[in-house]
Structure formats: structure tokens, C-alpha cells
Amino acid sequence: MKMISGTYQVGVLSVRTLLLRGTARFFSPTRRRAGMNVSFRTTSSLQTACQRPDEVRVSRLPLVERLGNHVSSSAELLEWRRWARSHAALTKLEASGVADLPSLASLYTEIDWLVVDVIAATRPKKQGQRQLAWIYMASLQVRDIPPAHEVLLRESLAELRLSWLKRLRDRVPLQYITSTCFWRDLTLFVSPAVLIPRPETELMVEHVKTVLDRCPSLCCGPWVDLGTGSGALAISIAAEVLRMRASSALENGCMDGKPVVHAVDLSLSSVQIARCNASRHFSLTERGKDAVQIHQGSWFEPLESLDIVHRHAGTLAGIVSNPPYISSDEMLDLQPEVRYHEPWLALESGRNGVEALELICEGASRYLLPGGVLLLETGGGGQTAHIGRLLRSFKEAKNGGMVPLFENIQIHADHHGVRRFITARKSILF
């Protein structure tokens, strides 16, 4: 889940104002383009992968992957950019008393993202009877748009205008408007059915990489991503586990042919989108579609019913989750982009915001292998400290005494210094 910026006190939690960091503050223009370096399949094959008979039809591709259908000039496109910047400035002026409106600099960055993402190709204007071929560009910035060129657009200027008005007036996140989220090396399809993956959550993949580097044997057991949403974590962790298997020559000793990561979500729509994204990025996992298996259900329940986990013996090498962690009272204070457009199911977790976190910890105490790892994202502050105390409270009888079930419990900060993540290892004594 989640978002941040500004500070306030809520109950026992000391957290930051839960504002959407999913617009212009997500990535630098260069970094957000890094996700486009992977090779994409054709539009038709992508649509097929996301429209299996047992799933709701995913009717739109991410904007950057759509075919160009509208011819315009670079001058007309840049004129649209000037109009959009002017309209953003006017909206900011009219809403000067609204504290949670994105900054003008952020809105200007979003405009530039729309401009470069809508361009499929460029070509010099026709000279005489000669018409040059379209030049398709994998990466582009506004300053690189050639003057006096024709541009092949993925959406018309009129459609862009409506999209930008929707962004400003209805406060719809840009990611939902473009059906696109750039996250690490992924270009994800997103809709209001799933939470927009946040940049701080990328650090969870880095923590998994660190764990695997220290204990390569953990790449042989199954991993679980609970509350997968768009599938971002599951896809990235599967890629890292397979990378470690290959580099450590452990492939022959691992569970060949079985999923690397089991991803779970309660929402059927989220499950369908996660499956779509897993299919779209199968090349990153080097194992095809079977590397990530996605299940619908509540937390561990679908894994129990499929006998993937057992109540009396740990089977999981790792459990990761970015679960709902916002309290019911806090929900009404969220930025409009979040409150009105992102799924509450992925945000809210009871009176104190810790219900989901507590349930996952209890399941981890049963289902992790000895030496297995738990990694959670929290709201930070007192919430993280509470989960740390909870993990330390788990004990089991051993050799006539009570022995802690978890060891090496650590709290880690995000990019802004918020102590947001917690890791723990199940004792090898069990």
C-alpha cells in the first residue's frame, strides 16, 4: 500500500500524511523509462494474454504500448502542452486554499509524461511527393521532440485534453488515466481495481535480494506475496529468486516446474490484473507463466485449501506483504486521488490499521520453514514497533523452556527515513 508526505498524529501511530506519491513524484523521467527496456510482445498477443476466457476483459493496454492511430504535428502537440500547463496553473490558483493539491511542478511533470508517452513515432513532414517512413522511438523527452515533424499519437489531442481535465477536476491519478505504472523494470497495467504500486515498496525487492544473497538456499522453497494487487512484488521477487537459482547453481535441487511465487488477493479484479501483468512480463522470470501463480482468497486460505501450506509443518521460504495498514479514521483524511479512486480494500485495516499485519504474522509463525523470512511494509512509527513486539511475543516450547519463534527482527527505513519495513527470520530450531 501506500503513500506519504507531511506529518500528523493519529491515535497511537506517528505517521506521515497519507498523500498520493503516485503522480509526478513517482520517478524521474529517465528512471520511469527504464521499465521500457524489456522487449514487448505485439499488441494482439498482449491483449490475448490479458483476456483469457475465465477473466474479466482487460480492454486497454498501458498507454505507452498502444498503437499509434492519430497523426498530428509536433507544433500542435507542443501547443497542447502549453494549454495543459496553463490550465494546471489556473487550477492551482483557483484552489490555492487546498493543501493536498499536487504541486505545480508535479503537474508539469505529469504533462510531460503524457506528451512523451502518447508519441508512437515521428517523421519529417512530407516534402513534395516523398513521404518518409515513421521513426519509432523507445525513449523520448519533451526537449527531444523534433520540430517541424509529424507525430503519430496513441491518443488524439482531443482525447488528451479530456484526460487532463479529468486529472485536474476529478483528481484521478495519472496512472489510472493512462492505465500505466512504471515500477522498477516493469511497465504494469493498472486500473482503479488495484492500488498503484509506490516507489518505497521497491525497497522490499531489494531486501529480498539481500536475504537471498545471504542465504541462497531460500530460493528453492516457494515464496508468497499476500495482497498482491497488480502483481508487482510477486513478479519482481520471482525474477530475483530465479536469478539466484541460476547464479548459485541450485536449479537442480529446487522444485522444478512448480511456481516460484504464490500471489494472493481477495479481489477478483485484482487477481485478473495481476495475472495479466504476470503474463505480460513472463520474459523477466525466464520460466514463463508458471513462475508466478495467482490465487483469489483471503490471505493464507487459498494456500491452505490447495495444500501449499500446512498447519503442522512450515513449507514457505519467504512471505512478503504490503497489506492494508490505514485505520478506519485515517481513511477520510486521505488525498482525493487516494480516497476517491484507489480501492479501500487495499488500504483500510480496522480501527488501528494493524488487523491485516497481525493476521499475517500469526500465519507466518505456522507456515514459514525454519530459517524462512517474513518481510512486511507498515505505516511506520508506532505501527512498526507494535509489529516488532508482536513477533517477539511468539514463543514455543523447546527443551523444557520457551524459545522465541522469530529471530533477527529488524526495522528498515524507506527513502524518506520512515521506519516502514520489518523483517524477521523463523528460528532454525523449529
Foldseek 3Di string as FASTA:
>chain_A
DFAFDDWDDDPQFTFGATEDCQFLNFDDQVQLLLLLPDDFDAPVVLQVLLPPPVADRPPDDQLLRADFDDKDFLVVLVVLLVVLLVVLVVLCVVPVVDPRDDDSVRSNSRSFVQSFSFFQWKAADDDDPDDDDTHGDSGDGNVRRDHNIMTRTSDDSVLVVVLSCCCRVQVAGPCQSRLWDRARNHTAGDHLAFDRDGNLCSVVLVVLLVLCVVPVVLLQFAEEEEQCQQQVVVLSNLLSSLVSCVVVVVVVVHDPPAARYEYEHQDSNSQSNNSSRLQRPQVSNVPHSRNYHYDHDHGCVVCVVVVVFDQAAAGHQEYEYAAAQDEPVSLVSYDSNPNVRHDVRRHYDYHGRCNSVLVVLVVCLRHHHQFHKYKYFYSAGVSLVVSLVVQQPDWDDDPNRTDRQKPPWDFDATPVRGRTMIMITGHNVD
